[in-house]
Amino acid sequence: MGQVLAAGPSVPAAPPLVPPPPMSAPGTGPATGTPAPSSPSERPEIPQETGPGTFEDLHKKCKDLFPNPFEGAKLIINKGLSNHFQISHTATMSSLTPSGYKFGATYVGSQQVSPAEAYPILVGDIDPSGNMNANIIHAFSKRTRCKFGAQVQGGRWLTSQVSTEYRGEDNTAVLTLGNPDLINESGVMVLQYLQNVTSRVCLGTELLYQYGPTVPGNEIGIYTIAGRYSGNDWQLSGNLTPAAAGVHMCYYQKVNDKMQIGCEIEGSLRTRECTSTIGYQMDVPSSNFTFKGQLDSNWCIGAVLEKRLPPLPFTFALSGFANHNKNTYRFGIGFVIG
């Protein structure tokens, strides 16, 4: 439930400055047109060591298989200026989402915490209207990381989020404060905890507390329990929210080196709604392309094909999405340089 209002973020490792990010759909998935996340919920993955990872990454293996279809045309140019600094230019043309240009930047510091992590990390993007997304991540020790994220839209401060994460040998704890407002006495607090029970099983819980004049009774608390079982080439994860009578289950299976499949079921007894989604990813290294597809119970079909063009640092992408219930169809074409 943390992602309802203020998701407890996992803290990203230092992102490599060379590989181009994948394409995404404006308004349908994480926007990866910049070299860094454009919102607090959009982050690169940290290599897991011995701990259980973060609460937000429970379903990550399955969710990463689903494509992020985009509509229209998109051009992304990434340029590494040094080992620590990278910039990007993103131009989008779409009839569904605002078209235009965005400038993005990523800075990775020289404080090496591990071979895959360096801090501090500053990432963000801005458009000609002054709309900006920014994140600052820093590790004060090998086990403790802090992050601040903010969004400015229409000349005003839209959202802000502060989180602290502690990663032990077999547990992870995250405390997040979202939109804290001392003057109007409102905000959201999310506390998440995961514990390795065995080498394959981890269990955890999440507590979301929201207060403010717009909340019924001026405050509300919701808790979620979750678990994950990991096999050699498969993973089953799920979480249950009793207050909303909601359940979220994911299953991931690695068929072979080229094929991965996943299934997601999300529903609520209170709303009497349930959605099932099947997704898969196919990688063909010899042809330098990756294909992702999905089909859900609402008869929505989506797919994204990404084709790398070595030895040039180019990536070509094609996207398609169809909603047969509403008879809507979207197609996109993209090109990444750098």
Protein backbone atom coordinates (compact mmCIF):
# COMPACT_ATOMS: atom_id res chain seq x y z
CA MET A 1 0.00 0.00 0.00
CA GLY A 2 3.01 2.30 0.21
CA GLN A 3 2.75 3.08 -3.47
CA VAL A 4 -0.78 4.48 -2.98
CA LEU A 5 0.43 7.84 -1.78
CA ALA A 6 4.07 7.72 -0.90
CA ALA A 7 5.92 4.67 -2.03
CA GLY A 8 8.87 3.71 0.11
CA PRO A 9 11.66 3.92 -2.44
CA SER A 10 14.50 1.52 -2.88
CA VAL A 11 17.78 3.34 -3.24
CA PRO A 12 19.46 2.89 -6.60
CA ALA A 13 23.00 1.85 -7.22
CA ALA A 14 25.21 4.10 -9.27
CA PRO A 15 23.78 3.71 -12.77
CA PRO A 16 26.21 2.93 -15.57
CA LEU A 17 26.73 5.87 -17.87
CA VAL A 18 27.13 3.93 -21.11
CA PRO A 19 24.10 1.69 -21.91
CA PRO A 20 21.01 3.53 -23.16
CA PRO A 21 17.81 3.15 -21.14
CA PRO A 22 14.78 1.35 -22.60
CA MET A 23 11.84 3.18 -24.13
CA SER A 24 8.69 3.82 -22.10
CA ALA A 25 5.21 5.02 -22.63
CA PRO A 26 4.31 8.50 -21.53
CA GLY A 27 1.61 8.05 -18.94
CA THR A 28 1.68 4.23 -19.07
CA GLY A 29 4.89 3.28 -17.34
CA PRO A 30 8.18 4.54 -15.99
CA ALA A 31 9.55 7.33 -18.10
CA THR A 32 13.09 6.28 -19.02
CA GLY A 33 13.82 8.93 -21.56
CA THR A 34 16.38 10.43 -19.18
CA PRO A 35 19.44 8.69 -17.80
CA ALA A 36 17.87 8.67 -14.39
CA PRO A 37 14.45 8.23 -12.81
CA SER A 38 12.03 11.09 -13.31
CA SER A 39 9.95 10.33 -10.23
CA PRO A 40 10.53 8.74 -6.83
CA SER A 41 8.99 5.47 -7.99
CA GLU A 42 11.14 5.15 -11.08
CA ARG A 43 14.59 3.81 -10.08
CA PRO A 44 17.37 1.48 -11.37
CA GLU A 45 17.88 -1.84 -9.61
CA ILE A 46 20.44 -2.42 -6.87
CA PRO A 47 22.24 -5.77 -7.01
CA GLN A 48 20.99 -7.81 -4.07
CA GLU A 49 23.63 -9.21 -1.74
CA THR A 50 22.52 -11.45 1.11
CA GLY A 51 19.56 -9.40 2.31
CA PRO A 52 15.96 -9.63 1.13
CA GLY A 53 16.05 -6.36 -0.82
CA THR A 54 13.34 -3.76 -0.36
CA PHE A 55 9.59 -4.10 0.04
CA GLU A 56 9.02 -2.37 -3.30
CA ASP A 57 11.15 -4.98 -5.09
CA LEU A 58 9.08 -7.98 -3.99
CA HIS A 59 7.43 -8.30 -7.42
CA LYS A 60 10.25 -6.74 -9.43
CA LYS A 61 11.31 -9.85 -11.37
CA CYS A 62 7.78 -10.36 -12.66
CA LYS A 63 6.97 -6.69 -13.23
CA ASP A 64 10.14 -6.14 -15.24
CA LEU A 65 8.86 -8.58 -17.87
CA PHE A 66 5.87 -6.39 -18.76
CA PRO A 67 6.38 -3.88 -21.58
CA ASN A 68 5.80 -0.14 -21.23
CA PRO A 69 4.08 0.75 -24.53
CA PHE A 70 4.43 4.32 -25.72
CA GLU A 71 2.50 6.27 -28.36
CA GLY A 72 3.85 8.53 -31.08
CA ALA A 73 7.53 9.17 -31.71
CA LYS A 74 10.43 9.56 -29.31
CA LEU A 75 14.07 10.49 -29.80
CA ILE A 76 16.57 10.13 -26.96
CA ILE A 77 20.18 11.29 -27.12
CA ASN A 78 22.48 10.29 -24.23
CA LYS A 79 25.92 11.83 -23.85
CA GLY A 80 28.51 10.93 -21.23
CA LEU A 81 30.64 13.98 -20.48
CA SER A 82 32.87 12.19 -17.96
CA ASN A 83 32.99 9.14 -15.72
CA HIS A 84 30.76 11.00 -13.27
CA PHE A 85 28.46 13.11 -15.40
CA GLN A 86 25.96 12.33 -18.16
CA ILE A 87 23.30 14.39 -19.89
CA SER A 88 20.37 13.47 -22.14
CA HIS A 89 17.99 15.13 -24.57
CA THR A 90 14.48 13.70 -25.09
CA ALA A 91 12.05 14.84 -27.78
CA THR A 92 8.53 13.38 -27.77
CA MET A 93 5.68 13.70 -30.23
CA SER A 94 2.35 12.24 -29.10
CA SER A 95 -1.37 12.89 -29.50
CA LEU A 96 -2.18 11.48 -26.05
CA THR A 97 0.43 13.00 -23.80
CA PRO A 98 2.10 16.42 -23.85
CA SER A 99 4.74 16.56 -26.54
CA GLY A 100 7.95 18.48 -26.21
CA TYR A 101 11.54 18.45 -25.08
CA LYS A 102 13.22 17.45 -21.82
CA PHE A 103 16.78 17.90 -20.64
CA GLY A 104 18.10 15.36 -18.16
CA ALA A 105 21.30 15.04 -16.16
CA THR A 106 22.94 12.45 -13.92
CA TYR A 107 25.88 12.95 -11.58
CA VAL A 108 27.54 10.03 -9.77
CA GLY A 109 30.04 10.84 -7.04
CA SER A 110 33.33 9.17 -6.19
CA GLN A 111 32.41 7.66 -2.81
CA GLN A 112 32.61 3.94 -3.68
CA VAL A 113 30.45 1.84 -1.35
CA SER A 114 30.70 -1.36 -3.42
CA PRO A 115 31.84 -2.31 -6.93
CA ALA A 116 28.33 -1.51 -8.20
CA GLU A 117 27.55 1.53 -6.05
CA ALA A 118 29.00 5.03 -5.82
CA TYR A 119 27.56 8.08 -4.09
CA PRO A 120 26.27 10.76 -3.97
CA ILE A 121 23.87 10.47 -6.91
CA LEU A 122 22.01 13.48 -8.33
CA VAL A 123 19.48 12.84 -11.09
CA GLY A 124 16.77 14.94 -12.68
CA ASP A 125 15.10 16.34 -15.75
CA ILE A 126 13.44 19.62 -16.72
CA ASP A 127 11.33 20.87 -19.64
CA PRO A 128 11.08 24.36 -21.18
CA SER A 129 8.04 25.16 -18.97
CA GLY A 130 10.12 24.71 -15.83
CA ASN A 131 8.53 21.41 -14.77
CA MET A 132 11.23 19.49 -12.95
CA ASN A 133 11.82 16.13 -11.31
CA ALA A 134 14.88 15.68 -9.11
CA ASN A 135 16.36 13.07 -6.77
CA ILE A 136 19.36 13.13 -4.45
CA ILE A 137 20.66 9.82 -3.07
CA HIS A 138 23.54 9.42 -0.65
CA ALA A 139 25.00 6.54 1.39
CA PHE A 140 26.27 7.56 4.81
CA SER A 141 27.54 4.01 5.38
CA LYS A 142 27.58 0.66 3.62
CA ARG A 143 24.20 -0.19 5.15
CA THR A 144 22.45 3.18 5.38
CA ARG A 145 21.16 5.23 2.45
CA CYS A 146 19.05 8.37 2.32
CA LYS A 147 17.09 9.90 -0.52
CA PHE A 148 15.25 13.11 -1.24
CA GLY A 149 12.91 13.45 -4.23
CA ALA A 150 10.82 16.37 -5.43
CA GLN A 151 8.58 17.42 -8.31
CA VAL A 152 7.88 20.98 -9.44
CA GLN A 153 4.90 21.42 -11.79
CA GLY A 154 3.28 24.61 -13.01
CA GLY A 155 5.62 26.83 -11.00
CA ARG A 156 4.73 25.25 -7.65
CA TRP A 157 6.12 22.53 -5.43
CA LEU A 158 3.97 19.50 -6.23
CA THR A 159 5.40 16.59 -4.22
CA SER A 160 8.34 15.85 -1.98
CA GLN A 161 9.59 12.66 -0.40
CA VAL A 162 12.33 11.81 2.11
CA SER A 163 13.37 8.26 2.92
CA THR A 164 16.00 6.43 4.95
CA GLU A 165 16.94 2.82 4.30
CA TYR A 166 18.90 0.35 6.41
CA ARG A 167 20.09 -2.96 4.93
CA GLY A 168 21.28 -5.61 7.35
CA GLU A 169 22.69 -9.03 6.63
CA ASP A 170 19.24 -10.63 6.51
CA ASN A 171 16.77 -7.73 6.85
CA THR A 172 15.83 -4.38 5.33
CA ALA A 173 14.01 -1.47 6.95
CA VAL A 174 12.78 1.69 5.17
CA LEU A 175 11.14 4.80 6.62
CA THR A 176 9.55 7.25 4.16
CA LEU A 177 7.89 10.63 4.69
CA GLY A 178 5.77 11.91 1.83
CA ASN A 179 4.61 15.54 1.41
CA PRO A 180 5.27 16.52 5.02
CA ASP A 181 3.47 19.80 5.78
CA LEU A 182 3.94 21.13 9.32
CA ILE A 183 1.82 24.22 8.69
CA ASN A 184 -1.30 22.39 7.48
CA GLU A 185 -0.49 19.33 9.60
CA SER A 186 -0.68 16.78 6.80
CA GLY A 187 1.53 14.14 5.28
CA VAL A 188 2.15 10.44 4.80
CA MET A 189 4.50 8.10 6.65
CA VAL A 190 5.40 4.62 5.40
CA LEU A 191 7.37 2.07 7.42
CA GLN A 192 8.50 -1.12 5.67
CA TYR A 193 10.37 -4.15 6.99
CA LEU A 194 11.55 -7.36 5.31
CA GLN A 195 13.24 -10.33 7.00
CA ASN A 196 14.92 -13.40 5.52
CA VAL A 197 13.39 -16.39 7.29
CA THR A 198 15.44 -18.89 5.27
CA SER A 199 17.71 -18.59 2.25
CA ARG A 200 14.63 -18.88 0.01
CA VAL A 201 11.82 -17.34 2.08
CA CYS A 202 11.42 -13.75 3.22
CA LEU A 203 8.49 -12.20 5.07
CA GLY A 204 7.65 -8.61 5.86
CA THR A 205 5.11 -5.96 6.61
CA GLU A 206 4.30 -2.38 5.69
CA LEU A 207 2.50 0.28 7.70
CA LEU A 208 1.08 3.36 5.99
CA TYR A 209 -0.12 6.25 8.13
CA GLN A 210 -1.74 9.36 6.61
CA TYR A 211 -2.95 12.43 8.48
CA GLY A 212 -4.48 15.73 7.45
CA PRO A 213 -7.72 17.71 7.27
CA THR A 214 -8.76 16.01 4.01
CA VAL A 215 -8.52 12.51 5.56
CA PRO A 216 -11.72 11.08 7.11
CA GLY A 217 -11.24 11.29 10.86
CA ASN A 218 -8.07 13.32 10.21
CA GLU A 219 -5.95 10.17 10.16
CA ILE A 220 -5.88 6.66 8.75
CA GLY A 221 -3.57 3.66 9.10
CA ILE A 222 -3.27 0.70 6.73
CA TYR A 223 -0.98 -2.29 7.08
CA THR A 224 0.11 -4.88 4.54
CA ILE A 225 1.76 -8.26 5.03
CA ALA A 226 3.91 -9.79 2.31
CA GLY A 227 6.15 -12.72 1.49
CA ARG A 228 8.33 -14.18 -1.23
CA TYR A 229 9.61 -17.66 -2.03
CA SER A 230 12.52 -17.95 -4.46
CA GLY A 231 13.46 -21.10 -6.33
CA ASN A 232 16.48 -21.71 -8.53
CA ASP A 233 14.79 -20.28 -11.64
CA TRP A 234 11.38 -19.17 -10.37
CA GLN A 235 9.85 -16.87 -7.78
CA LEU A 236 6.45 -16.56 -6.09
CA SER A 237 5.59 -13.34 -4.24
CA GLY A 238 2.47 -11.84 -2.76
CA ASN A 239 1.07 -9.24 -0.39
CA LEU A 240 -2.23 -8.93 1.43
CA THR A 241 -3.92 -5.72 2.64
CA PRO A 242 -6.73 -6.64 5.06
CA ALA A 243 -8.19 -3.11 5.31
CA ALA A 244 -8.88 -3.00 1.59
CA ALA A 245 -9.43 -6.75 1.29
CA GLY A 246 -6.83 -6.58 -1.47
CA VAL A 247 -4.37 -9.19 -2.69
CA HIS A 248 -1.48 -8.97 -5.12
CA MET A 249 0.27 -12.13 -6.35
CA CYS A 250 3.10 -12.56 -8.86
CA TYR A 251 4.82 -15.61 -10.32
CA TYR A 252 8.06 -15.47 -12.29
CA GLN A 253 9.67 -18.29 -14.26
CA LYS A 254 12.93 -18.31 -16.20
CA VAL A 255 12.35 -20.84 -18.97
CA ASN A 256 15.85 -20.62 -20.44
CA ASP A 257 18.50 -18.04 -21.23
CA LYS A 258 16.30 -16.49 -23.91
CA MET A 259 12.77 -16.71 -22.45
CA GLN A 260 11.18 -15.49 -19.22
CA ILE A 261 7.49 -15.50 -18.33
CA GLY A 262 5.43 -14.02 -15.52
CA CYS A 263 1.86 -13.84 -14.25
CA GLU A 264 0.30 -11.18 -12.03
CA ILE A 265 -3.06 -11.22 -10.23
CA GLU A 266 -4.31 -8.13 -8.43
CA GLY A 267 -7.78 -7.74 -6.94
CA SER A 268 -9.94 -6.48 -4.09
CA LEU A 269 -13.04 -7.93 -2.46
CA ARG A 270 -14.16 -4.44 -1.51
CA THR A 271 -14.28 -3.15 -5.09
CA ARG A 272 -15.10 -6.61 -6.51
CA GLU A 273 -12.50 -6.14 -9.20
CA CYS A 274 -9.68 -8.42 -10.25
CA THR A 275 -7.14 -8.15 -13.06
CA SER A 276 -4.82 -10.87 -14.30
CA THR A 277 -1.86 -10.20 -16.57
CA ILE A 278 0.49 -12.56 -18.37
CA GLY A 279 3.78 -11.19 -19.64
CA TYR A 280 6.92 -12.54 -21.23
CA GLN A 281 10.32 -11.39 -22.37
CA MET A 282 12.39 -12.90 -25.15
CA ASP A 283 16.06 -12.03 -25.64
CA VAL A 284 17.98 -13.00 -28.78
CA PRO A 285 21.61 -11.95 -28.23
CA SER A 286 22.68 -13.14 -31.67
CA SER A 287 20.20 -10.72 -33.27
CA ASN A 288 20.65 -7.98 -30.63
CA PHE A 289 16.95 -7.58 -29.89
CA THR A 290 14.59 -7.87 -26.93
CA PHE A 291 10.85 -8.42 -27.19
CA LYS A 292 8.35 -7.91 -24.34
CA GLY A 293 4.64 -8.68 -24.56
CA GLN A 294 1.62 -8.89 -22.29
CA LEU A 295 -2.07 -9.80 -22.26
CA ASP A 296 -4.47 -9.03 -19.41
CA SER A 297 -8.02 -10.06 -18.49
CA ASN A 298 -9.39 -6.73 -19.78
CA TRP A 299 -8.36 -7.77 -23.30
CA CYS A 300 -5.52 -5.28 -23.46
CA ILE A 301 -2.49 -6.36 -25.48
CA GLY A 302 0.84 -4.57 -25.42
CA ALA A 303 4.28 -5.20 -26.88
CA VAL A 304 7.62 -3.44 -27.26
CA LEU A 305 10.46 -4.51 -29.53
CA GLU A 306 13.95 -3.08 -28.99
CA LYS A 307 16.67 -3.68 -31.57
CA ARG A 308 20.26 -2.69 -30.88
CA LEU A 309 22.36 -1.69 -33.87
CA PRO A 310 26.02 -2.42 -33.07
CA PRO A 311 28.73 -1.34 -33.53
CA LEU A 312 26.92 2.02 -33.44
CA PRO A 313 25.46 3.04 -30.04
CA PHE A 314 21.93 3.06 -31.44
CA THR A 315 18.73 1.36 -30.26
CA PHE A 316 15.56 1.22 -32.36
CA ALA A 317 12.19 0.58 -30.69
CA LEU A 318 8.69 -0.26 -31.89
CA SER A 319 5.64 -0.24 -29.62
CA GLY A 320 2.04 -1.35 -29.93
CA PHE A 321 -0.95 -1.36 -27.60
CA ALA A 322 -4.56 -2.44 -28.18
CA ASN A 323 -7.58 -2.22 -25.87
CA HIS A 324 -10.25 -4.36 -27.48
CA ASN A 325 -12.92 -3.34 -24.96
CA LYS A 326 -12.63 0.32 -25.94
CA ASN A 327 -11.44 -0.24 -29.50
CA THR A 328 -8.39 1.95 -28.98
CA TYR A 329 -5.02 1.31 -30.59
CA ARG A 330 -1.70 3.04 -30.04
CA PHE A 331 1.56 2.69 -31.89
CA GLY A 332 4.95 4.21 -31.29
CA ILE A 333 8.41 4.42 -32.75
CA GLY A 334 11.56 5.42 -30.91
CA PHE A 335 15.27 5.88 -31.40
CA VAL A 336 18.00 6.04 -28.75
CA ILE A 337 21.46 7.41 -29.48
CA GLY A 338 24.19 6.84 -26.95
